[in-house]
Amino acid sequence: MKNTEKIITVVLLLAGLAANVFPQAFSDKGYHPRITALGRSVVALKEDVGLQFYNPASIGFGNSIQVFAGFTNLYPNVSDDNLNVMNAGASYPFENIGTVGVGLSQFSPNFWTERTILLSFASHMLLKNLSIGASAKILSWSADAPKGENAVPEPATSFTGISFDAGVLYVIPELFGENDLQVGMSLSDITQPSVAANGSADAALPFQFSAGAAYISHKYQYTVMGGMAIRGTDTKINFGYEISAMKTSTFGVDAEFIVRIGGGRIISTLSQGEYNGGFGIVVEKVKVDYSYSYQAFIQNVGGISSIALSYEF
């Protein structure tokens, strides 16, 4: 495919994805399979390192070092465009101070690179059950110069900028017996930076407000969650559910199998929603997560698959 055809293909596909995941560049194209499987309704969850992309306060309750690396395959039936996303992250807790997190998300089709580098800090020093966090994000993209016999001579272009997120997460322990209630809120792209190479205000990232709650049953080993997000003029509602389906111990090695479902849609007559599912396999300190996302609004391009490998020290 020529560059022009590739650009048109990717723009149309990502416009379709944006119809349910929100518009504009630097949106979630698959930060982590657990997040995707749970319908992205994760603003009230905590401790998992991948959650810092949605709420920086989520890592504030962490008490161990975590690392992860992930891969997302967008629209596998679209050939010759390399529509893949690479993600990675790590968190390191400092006793009695807080937790530092770093993250990377990179989307690199054949002609285009979009990268987010994240630096987060969260702490629950002020109140035992309240975590407050913030993130600084370095946003960059670059586009290759057109190639081919019929290409219009244009130079390669690029952009680098910075944006900021903030969030809070509050835990109400033992609300009903052995069950906890967690509530969270995050503010994303607070400074609304323009991501155009020329700084045009038309390319400003919209401010996003997210809020949600998660009900955690320790007795029955399940979590049910829901939330909403407002980005620009769009409002999205989402939900998620995960349950520990099986636990076993063989020769002293503990293992667990977790099942997840979720989904969401923008409140609009044009939105048909996304329907997601996935699982997690935990063996001691190693975890493998997988998700599959069915996009009801776009056909014949295949679902979105994501996988990640995590380790807790």
C-alpha atoms as a PDB file:
ATOM      1  CA  MET A   1       0.000   0.000   0.000  1.00  0.00           C
ATOM      2  CA  LYS A   2       1.220   3.520  -0.739  1.00  0.00           C
ATOM      3  CA  ASN A   3       1.638   6.007   2.109  1.00  0.00           C
ATOM      4  CA  THR A   4      -1.553   7.875   1.227  1.00  0.00           C
ATOM      5  CA  GLU A   5      -3.608   4.685   1.247  1.00  0.00           C
ATOM      6  CA  LYS A   6      -2.039   3.643   4.546  1.00  0.00           C
ATOM      7  CA  ILE A   7      -2.832   6.993   6.120  1.00  0.00           C
ATOM      8  CA  ILE A   8      -6.475   6.789   5.010  1.00  0.00           C
ATOM      9  CA  THR A   9      -6.814   3.220   6.304  1.00  0.00           C
ATOM     10  CA  VAL A  10      -5.357   3.946   9.730  1.00  0.00           C
ATOM     11  CA  VAL A  11      -7.253   7.206  10.159  1.00  0.00           C
ATOM     12  CA  LEU A  12     -10.565   5.504   9.388  1.00  0.00           C
ATOM     13  CA  LEU A  13      -9.865   2.595  11.743  1.00  0.00           C
ATOM     14  CA  LEU A  14      -8.727   4.809  14.596  1.00  0.00           C
ATOM     15  CA  ALA A  15     -11.701   7.106  14.028  1.00  0.00           C
ATOM     16  CA  GLY A  16     -13.879   4.049  14.514  1.00  0.00           C
ATOM     17  CA  LEU A  17     -11.955   3.075  17.639  1.00  0.00           C
ATOM     18  CA  ALA A  18     -12.277   6.626  18.923  1.00  0.00           C
ATOM     19  CA  ALA A  19     -16.058   6.439  18.560  1.00  0.00           C
ATOM     20  CA  ASN A  20     -16.079   4.275  21.682  1.00  0.00           C
ATOM     21  CA  VAL A  21     -12.683   4.917  23.295  1.00  0.00           C
ATOM     22  CA  PHE A  22     -12.702   8.735  22.734  1.00  0.00           C
ATOM     23  CA  PRO A  23     -11.300  10.856  19.938  1.00  0.00           C
ATOM     24  CA  GLN A  24      -7.910  12.459  19.423  1.00  0.00           C
ATOM     25  CA  ALA A  25      -4.365  11.169  19.420  1.00  0.00           C
ATOM     26  CA  PHE A  26      -2.723   9.707  22.525  1.00  0.00           C
ATOM     27  CA  SER A  27      -5.867   7.894  23.646  1.00  0.00           C
ATOM     28  CA  ASP A  28      -5.963   4.369  25.067  1.00  0.00           C
ATOM     29  CA  LYS A  29      -5.318   1.912  22.239  1.00  0.00           C
ATOM     30  CA  GLY A  30      -4.654  -0.904  24.700  1.00  0.00           C
ATOM     31  CA  TYR A  31      -2.516   0.104  27.689  1.00  0.00           C
ATOM     32  CA  HIS A  32      -2.944  -3.221  29.485  1.00  0.00           C
ATOM     33  CA  PRO A  33      -5.130  -6.306  28.855  1.00  0.00           C
ATOM     34  CA  ARG A  34      -6.624  -6.201  32.351  1.00  0.00           C
ATOM     35  CA  ILE A  35      -7.757  -2.617  31.743  1.00  0.00           C
ATOM     36  CA  THR A  36      -9.269  -3.527  28.369  1.00  0.00           C
ATOM     37  CA  ALA A  37     -10.984  -6.702  29.579  1.00  0.00           C
ATOM     38  CA  LEU A  38     -12.676  -4.735  32.362  1.00  0.00           C
ATOM     39  CA  GLY A  39     -14.159  -2.232  29.913  1.00  0.00           C
ATOM     40  CA  ARG A  40     -11.639   0.423  30.996  1.00  0.00           C
ATOM     41  CA  SER A  41     -13.748   0.972  34.138  1.00  0.00           C
ATOM     42  CA  VAL A  42     -10.650   0.844  36.344  1.00  0.00           C
ATOM     43  CA  VAL A  43     -10.319   4.317  37.861  1.00  0.00           C
ATOM     44  CA  ALA A  44     -11.189   2.897  41.319  1.00  0.00           C
ATOM     45  CA  LEU A  45      -8.807  -0.083  41.249  1.00  0.00           C
ATOM     46  CA  LYS A  46      -5.425  -0.047  42.989  1.00  0.00           C
ATOM     47  CA  GLU A  47      -1.904  -1.486  43.166  1.00  0.00           C
ATOM     48  CA  ASP A  48      -1.626  -2.945  39.630  1.00  0.00           C
ATOM     49  CA  VAL A  49       1.199  -1.033  37.904  1.00  0.00           C
ATOM     50  CA  GLY A  50      -0.637  -0.761  34.567  1.00  0.00           C
ATOM     51  CA  LEU A  51      -3.444   1.240  36.212  1.00  0.00           C
ATOM     52  CA  GLN A  52      -1.258   4.362  36.466  1.00  0.00           C
ATOM     53  CA  PHE A  53      -2.205   5.141  32.852  1.00  0.00           C
ATOM     54  CA  TYR A  54      -5.794   5.713  34.050  1.00  0.00           C
ATOM     55  CA  ASN A  55      -5.352   7.003  37.591  1.00  0.00           C
ATOM     56  CA  PRO A  56      -1.911   7.868  39.002  1.00  0.00           C
ATOM     57  CA  ALA A  57      -3.273   7.431  42.554  1.00  0.00           C
ATOM     58  CA  SER A  58      -3.764   3.700  41.869  1.00  0.00           C
ATOM     59  CA  ILE A  59      -0.136   2.849  42.660  1.00  0.00           C
ATOM     60  CA  GLY A  60      -0.106   4.698  45.995  1.00  0.00           C
ATOM     61  CA  PHE A  61      -1.071   1.618  48.037  1.00  0.00           C
ATOM     62  CA  GLY A  62       1.600  -0.588  46.469  1.00  0.00           C
ATOM     63  CA  ASN A  63       4.065  -2.349  48.763  1.00  0.00           C
ATOM     64  CA  SER A  64       6.132  -4.298  46.217  1.00  0.00           C
ATOM     65  CA  ILE A  65       8.135  -3.629  43.063  1.00  0.00           C
ATOM     66  CA  GLN A  66       6.187  -4.420  39.884  1.00  0.00           C
ATOM     67  CA  VAL A  67       7.140  -4.518  36.208  1.00  0.00           C
ATOM     68  CA  PHE A  68       5.153  -5.398  33.090  1.00  0.00           C
ATOM     69  CA  ALA A  69       5.496  -5.500  29.318  1.00  0.00           C
ATOM     70  CA  GLY A  70       2.599  -5.851  26.907  1.00  0.00           C
ATOM     71  CA  PHE A  71       1.643  -6.089  23.249  1.00  0.00           C
ATOM     72  CA  THR A  72      -1.649  -5.148  21.571  1.00  0.00           C
ATOM     73  CA  ASN A  73      -2.590  -6.193  18.027  1.00  0.00           C
ATOM     74  CA  LEU A  74      -5.095  -3.764  16.498  1.00  0.00           C
ATOM     75  CA  TYR A  75      -7.315  -5.054  13.680  1.00  0.00           C
ATOM     76  CA  PRO A  76      -5.357  -8.169  12.599  1.00  0.00           C
ATOM     77  CA  ASN A  77      -7.276  -8.493   9.317  1.00  0.00           C
ATOM     78  CA  VAL A  78      -5.761  -5.224   8.089  1.00  0.00           C
ATOM     79  CA  SER A  79      -2.488  -6.234   6.435  1.00  0.00           C
ATOM     80  CA  ASP A  80       0.693  -4.304   5.658  1.00  0.00           C
ATOM     81  CA  ASP A  81       0.179  -1.557   8.254  1.00  0.00           C
ATOM     82  CA  ASN A  82       1.721  -2.928  11.474  1.00  0.00           C
ATOM     83  CA  LEU A  83      -1.107  -1.713  13.717  1.00  0.00           C
ATOM     84  CA  ASN A  84       0.515  -2.772  16.970  1.00  0.00           C
ATOM     85  CA  VAL A  85       0.974  -1.121  20.362  1.00  0.00           C
ATOM     86  CA  MET A  86       3.853  -1.832  22.737  1.00  0.00           C
ATOM     87  CA  ASN A  87       3.439  -1.009  26.445  1.00  0.00           C
ATOM     88  CA  ALA A  88       5.617  -1.303  29.528  1.00  0.00           C
ATOM     89  CA  GLY A  89       5.660  -0.028  33.066  1.00  0.00           C
ATOM     90  CA  ALA A  90       7.223  -0.332  36.499  1.00  0.00           C
ATOM     91  CA  SER A  91       6.550   0.866  40.038  1.00  0.00           C
ATOM     92  CA  TYR A  92       8.799   1.125  43.080  1.00  0.00           C
ATOM     93  CA  PRO A  93       7.456   1.830  46.576  1.00  0.00           C
ATOM     94  CA  PHE A  94       9.439   3.940  49.063  1.00  0.00           C
ATOM     95  CA  GLU A  95       8.437   3.030  52.604  1.00  0.00           C
ATOM     96  CA  ASN A  96       6.497   5.781  54.421  1.00  0.00           C
ATOM     97  CA  ILE A  97       6.841   8.127  51.435  1.00  0.00           C
ATOM     98  CA  GLY A  98       4.980   6.843  48.390  1.00  0.00           C
ATOM     99  CA  THR A  99       5.342   4.956  45.128  1.00  0.00           C
ATOM    100  CA  VAL A 100       7.080   6.052  41.938  1.00  0.00           C
ATOM    101  CA  GLY A 101       5.895   4.685  38.617  1.00  0.00           C
ATOM    102  CA  VAL A 102       7.076   4.877  35.023  1.00  0.00           C
ATOM    103  CA  GLY A 103       5.257   3.830  31.877  1.00  0.00           C
ATOM    104  CA  LEU A 104       5.674   3.675  28.122  1.00  0.00           C
ATOM    105  CA  SER A 105       3.126   3.255  25.344  1.00  0.00           C
ATOM    106  CA  GLN A 106       4.160   3.281  21.684  1.00  0.00           C
ATOM    107  CA  PHE A 107       2.009   2.950  18.569  1.00  0.00           C
ATOM    108  CA  SER A 108       4.092   2.518  15.409  1.00  0.00           C
ATOM    109  CA  PRO A 109       2.418   1.869  12.065  1.00  0.00           C
ATOM    110  CA  ASN A 110       4.723   1.746   9.056  1.00  0.00           C
ATOM    111  CA  PHE A 111       4.787   5.497   8.511  1.00  0.00           C
ATOM    112  CA  TRP A 112       3.981   6.949  11.939  1.00  0.00           C
ATOM    113  CA  THR A 113       5.182   6.726  15.553  1.00  0.00           C
ATOM    114  CA  GLU A 114       3.145   7.906  18.553  1.00  0.00           C
ATOM    115  CA  ARG A 115       4.758   7.617  21.997  1.00  0.00           C
ATOM    116  CA  THR A 116       3.733   8.387  25.582  1.00  0.00           C
ATOM    117  CA  ILE A 117       6.293   8.330  28.399  1.00  0.00           C
ATOM    118  CA  LEU A 118       4.758   8.493  31.866  1.00  0.00           C
ATOM    119  CA  LEU A 119       6.274   9.408  35.236  1.00  0.00           C
ATOM    120  CA  SER A 120       3.956   9.004  38.240  1.00  0.00           C
ATOM    121  CA  PHE A 121       4.037   9.475  41.989  1.00  0.00           C
ATOM    122  CA  ALA A 122       1.359   8.570  44.521  1.00  0.00           C
ATOM    123  CA  SER A 123       1.187   8.435  48.293  1.00  0.00           C
ATOM    124  CA  HIS A 124      -1.238   7.734  51.133  1.00  0.00           C
ATOM    125  CA  MET A 125       0.825   9.557  53.770  1.00  0.00           C
ATOM    126  CA  LEU A 126      -1.908  12.038  54.682  1.00  0.00           C
ATOM    127  CA  LEU A 127      -4.644   9.470  55.320  1.00  0.00           C
ATOM    128  CA  LYS A 128      -4.240   5.716  55.601  1.00  0.00           C
ATOM    129  CA  ASN A 129      -7.084   4.944  53.176  1.00  0.00           C
ATOM    130  CA  LEU A 130      -6.581   7.854  50.753  1.00  0.00           C
ATOM    131  CA  SER A 131      -4.056   7.845  47.905  1.00  0.00           C
ATOM    132  CA  ILE A 132      -3.270  11.031  45.987  1.00  0.00           C
ATOM    133  CA  GLY A 133      -1.237  10.861  42.788  1.00  0.00           C
ATOM    134  CA  ALA A 134      -0.013  12.813  39.790  1.00  0.00           C
ATOM    135  CA  SER A 135       1.655  12.031  36.468  1.00  0.00           C
ATOM    136  CA  ALA A 136       3.748  13.964  33.985  1.00  0.00           C
ATOM    137  CA  LYS A 137       3.532  12.693  30.401  1.00  0.00           C
ATOM    138  CA  ILE A 138       5.937  13.310  27.557  1.00  0.00           C
ATOM    139  CA  LEU A 139       3.939  13.048  24.333  1.00  0.00           C
ATOM    140  CA  SER A 140       5.676  12.721  20.974  1.00  0.00           C
ATOM    141  CA  TRP A 141       4.897  11.728  17.417  1.00  0.00           C
ATOM    142  CA  SER A 142       6.777  11.635  14.156  1.00  0.00           C
ATOM    143  CA  ALA A 143       5.708  11.072  10.553  1.00  0.00           C
ATOM    144  CA  ASP A 144       7.966   9.899   7.761  1.00  0.00           C
ATOM    145  CA  ALA A 145       8.403  11.902   4.603  1.00  0.00           C
ATOM    146  CA  PRO A 146       6.198  10.623   1.740  1.00  0.00           C
ATOM    147  CA  LYS A 147       7.883   8.021  -0.485  1.00  0.00           C
ATOM    148  CA  GLY A 148       7.217   6.635  -3.929  1.00  0.00           C
ATOM    149  CA  GLU A 149       7.033   7.838  -7.519  1.00  0.00           C
ATOM    150  CA  ASN A 150       3.826   9.829  -7.029  1.00  0.00           C
ATOM    151  CA  ALA A 151       4.627  11.161  -3.542  1.00  0.00           C
ATOM    152  CA  VAL A 152       4.336  14.890  -2.952  1.00  0.00           C
ATOM    153  CA  PRO A 153       7.747  16.157  -1.740  1.00  0.00           C
ATOM    154  CA  GLU A 154       7.299  17.015   1.932  1.00  0.00           C
ATOM    155  CA  PRO A 155       9.708  16.880   4.860  1.00  0.00           C
ATOM    156  CA  ALA A 156       9.284  14.506   7.782  1.00  0.00           C
ATOM    157  CA  THR A 157       7.427  16.115  10.686  1.00  0.00           C
ATOM    158  CA  SER A 158       7.449  15.572  14.438  1.00  0.00           C
ATOM    159  CA  PHE A 159       6.146  16.886  17.755  1.00  0.00           C
ATOM    160  CA  THR A 160       7.131  16.647  21.429  1.00  0.00           C
ATOM    161  CA  GLY A 161       5.112  18.096  24.300  1.00  0.00           C
ATOM    162  CA  ILE A 162       4.120  17.517  27.901  1.00  0.00           C
ATOM    163  CA  SER A 163       0.850  16.985  29.739  1.00  0.00           C
ATOM    164  CA  PHE A 164      -0.263  16.239  33.290  1.00  0.00           C
ATOM    165  CA  ASP A 165      -2.725  13.931  35.054  1.00  0.00           C
ATOM    166  CA  ALA A 166      -3.889  13.790  38.673  1.00  0.00           C
ATOM    167  CA  GLY A 167      -6.075  11.459  40.681  1.00  0.00           C
ATOM    168  CA  VAL A 168      -7.363  10.297  44.058  1.00  0.00           C
ATOM    169  CA  LEU A 169      -8.456   6.888  45.325  1.00  0.00           C
ATOM    170  CA  TYR A 170     -10.239   6.189  48.611  1.00  0.00           C
ATOM    171  CA  VAL A 171     -10.761   2.780  50.213  1.00  0.00           C
ATOM    172  CA  ILE A 172     -13.646   2.059  52.585  1.00  0.00           C
ATOM    173  CA  PRO A 173     -12.615  -1.247  54.177  1.00  0.00           C
ATOM    174  CA  GLU A 174     -15.021  -3.885  55.468  1.00  0.00           C
ATOM    175  CA  LEU A 175     -18.086  -1.947  54.396  1.00  0.00           C
ATOM    176  CA  PHE A 176     -20.244  -5.075  54.536  1.00  0.00           C
ATOM    177  CA  GLY A 177     -18.380  -7.735  56.456  1.00  0.00           C
ATOM    178  CA  GLU A 178     -15.358  -8.805  54.426  1.00  0.00           C
ATOM    179  CA  ASN A 179     -16.139  -6.504  51.491  1.00  0.00           C
ATOM    180  CA  ASP A 180     -14.408  -3.239  50.546  1.00  0.00           C
ATOM    181  CA  LEU A 181     -15.653  -0.279  48.534  1.00  0.00           C
ATOM    182  CA  GLN A 182     -13.151   1.749  46.539  1.00  0.00           C
ATOM    183  CA  VAL A 183     -13.929   5.060  44.848  1.00  0.00           C
ATOM    184  CA  GLY A 184     -11.632   6.877  42.478  1.00  0.00           C
ATOM    185  CA  MET A 185     -11.415  10.024  40.389  1.00  0.00           C
ATOM    186  CA  SER A 186      -8.849  11.195  37.854  1.00  0.00           C
ATOM    187  CA  LEU A 187      -8.191  14.275  35.743  1.00  0.00           C
ATOM    188  CA  SER A 188      -6.329  13.681  32.467  1.00  0.00           C
ATOM    189  CA  ASP A 189      -4.547  16.128  30.168  1.00  0.00           C
ATOM    190  CA  ILE A 190      -5.180  18.952  32.603  1.00  0.00           C
ATOM    191  CA  THR A 191      -3.167  21.461  30.564  1.00  0.00           C
ATOM    192  CA  GLN A 192      -4.887  20.458  27.278  1.00  0.00           C
ATOM    193  CA  PRO A 193      -1.722  20.723  25.172  1.00  0.00           C
ATOM    194  CA  SER A 194      -1.847  21.069  21.415  1.00  0.00           C
ATOM    195  CA  VAL A 195      -0.275  18.064  19.705  1.00  0.00           C
ATOM    196  CA  ALA A 196       0.065  19.757  16.307  1.00  0.00           C
ATOM    197  CA  ALA A 197       3.524  20.443  14.971  1.00  0.00           C
ATOM    198  CA  ASN A 198       2.486  24.074  14.439  1.00  0.00           C
ATOM    199  CA  GLY A 199       0.805  24.380  17.868  1.00  0.00           C
ATOM    200  CA  SER A 200      -2.697  24.845  16.456  1.00  0.00           C
ATOM    201  CA  ALA A 201      -5.417  25.060  19.116  1.00  0.00           C
ATOM    202  CA  ASP A 202      -7.581  22.826  16.927  1.00  0.00           C
ATOM    203  CA  ALA A 203      -5.322  19.903  17.901  1.00  0.00           C
ATOM    204  CA  ALA A 204      -5.523  20.452  21.670  1.00  0.00           C
ATOM    205  CA  LEU A 205      -6.062  17.267  23.666  1.00  0.00           C
ATOM    206  CA  PRO A 206      -9.404  17.495  25.451  1.00  0.00           C
ATOM    207  CA  PHE A 207      -9.499  17.493  29.237  1.00  0.00           C
ATOM    208  CA  GLN A 208     -10.921  14.263  30.680  1.00  0.00           C
ATOM    209  CA  PHE A 209     -12.701  13.715  33.996  1.00  0.00           C
ATOM    210  CA  SER A 210     -13.181  10.116  35.146  1.00  0.00           C
ATOM    211  CA  ALA A 211     -14.922   8.725  38.231  1.00  0.00           C
ATOM    212  CA  GLY A 212     -15.880   5.265  39.333  1.00  0.00           C
ATOM    213  CA  ALA A 213     -16.359   2.747  42.119  1.00  0.00           C
ATOM    214  CA  ALA A 214     -15.338  -0.860  42.722  1.00  0.00           C
ATOM    215  CA  TYR A 215     -16.967  -3.326  45.137  1.00  0.00           C
ATOM    216  CA  ILE A 216     -14.560  -6.038  46.263  1.00  0.00           C
ATOM    217  CA  SER A 217     -15.684  -9.265  47.895  1.00  0.00           C
ATOM    218  CA  HIS A 218     -12.744 -10.890  49.688  1.00  0.00           C
ATOM    219  CA  LYS A 219     -14.883 -13.816  50.774  1.00  0.00           C
ATOM    220  CA  TYR A 220     -16.083 -14.766  47.286  1.00  0.00           C
ATOM    221  CA  GLN A 221     -13.044 -13.391  45.435  1.00  0.00           C
ATOM    222  CA  TYR A 222     -14.775 -11.121  42.925  1.00  0.00           C
ATOM    223  CA  THR A 223     -14.750  -7.426  42.012  1.00  0.00           C
ATOM    224  CA  VAL A 224     -17.523  -5.536  40.253  1.00  0.00           C
ATOM    225  CA  MET A 225     -16.920  -2.018  39.026  1.00  0.00           C
ATOM    226  CA  GLY A 226     -18.477   0.786  37.046  1.00  0.00           C
ATOM    227  CA  GLY A 227     -17.736   4.332  36.099  1.00  0.00           C
ATOM    228  CA  MET A 228     -18.018   7.218  33.703  1.00  0.00           C
ATOM    229  CA  ALA A 229     -15.635   9.479  31.838  1.00  0.00           C
ATOM    230  CA  ILE A 230     -16.227  12.880  30.288  1.00  0.00           C
ATOM    231  CA  ARG A 231     -13.782  13.905  27.569  1.00  0.00           C
ATOM    232  CA  GLY A 232     -14.560  17.025  25.592  1.00  0.00           C
ATOM    233  CA  THR A 233     -18.220  16.803  24.597  1.00  0.00           C
ATOM    234  CA  ASP A 234     -18.422  13.006  24.982  1.00  0.00           C
ATOM    235  CA  THR A 235     -19.560  11.027  28.023  1.00  0.00           C
ATOM    236  CA  LYS A 236     -18.739   7.345  28.283  1.00  0.00           C
ATOM    237  CA  ILE A 237     -20.145   4.804  30.719  1.00  0.00           C
ATOM    238  CA  ASN A 238     -18.400   1.501  31.387  1.00  0.00           C
ATOM    239  CA  PHE A 239     -18.492  -1.567  33.585  1.00  0.00           C
ATOM    240  CA  GLY A 240     -16.313  -4.522  34.519  1.00  0.00           C
ATOM    241  CA  TYR A 241     -16.311  -7.727  36.522  1.00  0.00           C
ATOM    242  CA  GLU A 242     -13.558 -10.131  37.506  1.00  0.00           C
ATOM    243  CA  ILE A 243     -13.603 -13.264  39.615  1.00  0.00           C
ATOM    244  CA  SER A 244     -11.032 -15.751  40.821  1.00  0.00           C
ATOM    245  CA  ALA A 245     -12.284 -18.861  39.046  1.00  0.00           C
ATOM    246  CA  MET A 246      -9.730 -21.289  40.409  1.00  0.00           C
ATOM    247  CA  LYS A 247      -6.876 -21.475  42.893  1.00  0.00           C
ATOM    248  CA  THR A 248      -4.502 -24.376  43.303  1.00  0.00           C
ATOM    249  CA  SER A 249      -1.214 -25.302  44.898  1.00  0.00           C
ATOM    250  CA  THR A 250       1.015 -27.995  43.407  1.00  0.00           C
ATOM    251  CA  PHE A 251       4.332 -28.958  44.999  1.00  0.00           C
ATOM    252  CA  GLY A 252       4.212 -25.723  46.952  1.00  0.00           C
ATOM    253  CA  VAL A 253       3.642 -23.554  43.856  1.00  0.00           C
ATOM    254  CA  ASP A 254       0.506 -21.392  44.121  1.00  0.00           C
ATOM    255  CA  ALA A 255      -1.491 -20.624  40.976  1.00  0.00           C
ATOM    256  CA  GLU A 256      -4.693 -18.741  40.211  1.00  0.00           C
ATOM    257  CA  PHE A 257      -6.975 -18.338  37.187  1.00  0.00           C
ATOM    258  CA  ILE A 258      -8.989 -15.095  36.915  1.00  0.00           C
ATOM    259  CA  VAL A 259     -11.872 -14.427  34.494  1.00  0.00           C
ATOM    260  CA  ARG A 260     -12.833 -10.916  33.369  1.00  0.00           C
ATOM    261  CA  ILE A 261     -15.600  -9.277  31.339  1.00  0.00           C
ATOM    262  CA  GLY A 262     -16.419  -5.642  30.648  1.00  0.00           C
ATOM    263  CA  GLY A 263     -17.593  -3.086  28.156  1.00  0.00           C
ATOM    264  CA  GLY A 264     -18.757   0.433  27.605  1.00  0.00           C
ATOM    265  CA  ARG A 265     -20.136   2.961  25.211  1.00  0.00           C
ATOM    266  CA  ILE A 266     -20.321   6.669  24.638  1.00  0.00           C
ATOM    267  CA  ILE A 267     -23.763   8.111  25.322  1.00  0.00           C
ATOM    268  CA  SER A 268     -24.669   8.741  21.692  1.00  0.00           C
ATOM    269  CA  THR A 269     -27.022   7.278  19.130  1.00  0.00           C
ATOM    270  CA  LEU A 270     -23.993   6.658  16.898  1.00  0.00           C
ATOM    271  CA  SER A 271     -22.148   4.588  19.501  1.00  0.00           C
ATOM    272  CA  GLN A 272     -22.577   0.813  19.415  1.00  0.00           C
ATOM    273  CA  GLY A 273     -20.147   0.054  22.197  1.00  0.00           C
ATOM    274  CA  GLU A 274     -17.320  -2.381  22.793  1.00  0.00           C
ATOM    275  CA  TYR A 275     -17.600  -5.788  24.457  1.00  0.00           C
ATOM    276  CA  ASN A 276     -14.515  -7.212  26.102  1.00  0.00           C
ATOM    277  CA  GLY A 277     -13.332 -10.289  27.917  1.00  0.00           C
ATOM    278  CA  GLY A 278     -10.136 -11.834  29.124  1.00  0.00           C
ATOM    279  CA  PHE A 279      -8.311 -13.754  31.786  1.00  0.00           C
ATOM    280  CA  GLY A 280      -5.302 -13.696  34.060  1.00  0.00           C
ATOM    281  CA  ILE A 281      -3.023 -16.538  35.086  1.00  0.00           C
ATOM    282  CA  VAL A 282      -0.930 -16.021  38.214  1.00  0.00           C
ATOM    283  CA  VAL A 283       1.844 -18.432  39.168  1.00  0.00           C
ATOM    284  CA  GLU A 284       3.608 -17.273  42.307  1.00  0.00           C
ATOM    285  CA  LYS A 285       4.895 -13.782  41.374  1.00  0.00           C
ATOM    286  CA  VAL A 286       4.474 -14.105  37.597  1.00  0.00           C
ATOM    287  CA  LYS A 287       1.241 -13.043  35.896  1.00  0.00           C
ATOM    288  CA  VAL A 288       0.054 -13.365  32.314  1.00  0.00           C
ATOM    289  CA  ASP A 289      -2.975 -11.280  31.274  1.00  0.00           C
ATOM    290  CA  TYR A 290      -4.928 -11.528  28.024  1.00  0.00           C
ATOM    291  CA  SER A 291      -7.893  -9.602  26.620  1.00  0.00           C
ATOM    292  CA  TYR A 292     -10.036  -9.640  23.493  1.00  0.00           C
ATOM    293  CA  SER A 293     -12.112  -6.643  22.490  1.00  0.00           C
ATOM    294  CA  TYR A 294     -15.002  -6.868  20.032  1.00  0.00           C
ATOM    295  CA  GLN A 295     -15.713  -3.513  18.425  1.00  0.00           C
ATOM    296  CA  ALA A 296     -19.357  -3.596  17.360  1.00  0.00           C
ATOM    297  CA  PHE A 297     -19.073  -0.455  15.258  1.00  0.00           C
ATOM    298  CA  ILE A 298     -16.495  -1.708  12.746  1.00  0.00           C
ATOM    299  CA  GLN A 299     -16.680  -5.004  10.880  1.00  0.00           C
ATOM    300  CA  ASN A 300     -14.356  -7.385   9.005  1.00  0.00           C
ATOM    301  CA  VAL A 301     -11.103  -6.129  10.513  1.00  0.00           C
ATOM    302  CA  GLY A 302     -10.838  -8.545  13.441  1.00  0.00           C
ATOM    303  CA  GLY A 303     -11.019  -8.004  17.183  1.00  0.00           C
ATOM    304  CA  ILE A 304      -8.318  -6.375  19.268  1.00  0.00           C
ATOM    305  CA  SER A 305      -6.096  -8.781  21.200  1.00  0.00           C
ATOM    306  CA  SER A 306      -3.754  -7.800  23.999  1.00  0.00           C
ATOM    307  CA  ILE A 307      -1.318  -9.759  26.164  1.00  0.00           C
ATOM    308  CA  ALA A 308       1.020  -8.749  28.989  1.00  0.00           C
ATOM    309  CA  LEU A 309       3.579 -10.371  31.236  1.00  0.00           C
ATOM    310  CA  SER A 310       4.059  -9.015  34.771  1.00  0.00           C
ATOM    311  CA  TYR A 311       6.381  -9.785  37.643  1.00  0.00           C
ATOM    312  CA  GLU A 312       6.146  -8.745  41.283  1.00  0.00           C
ATOM    313  CA  PHE A 313       9.329  -8.634  43.340  1.00  0.00           C
END
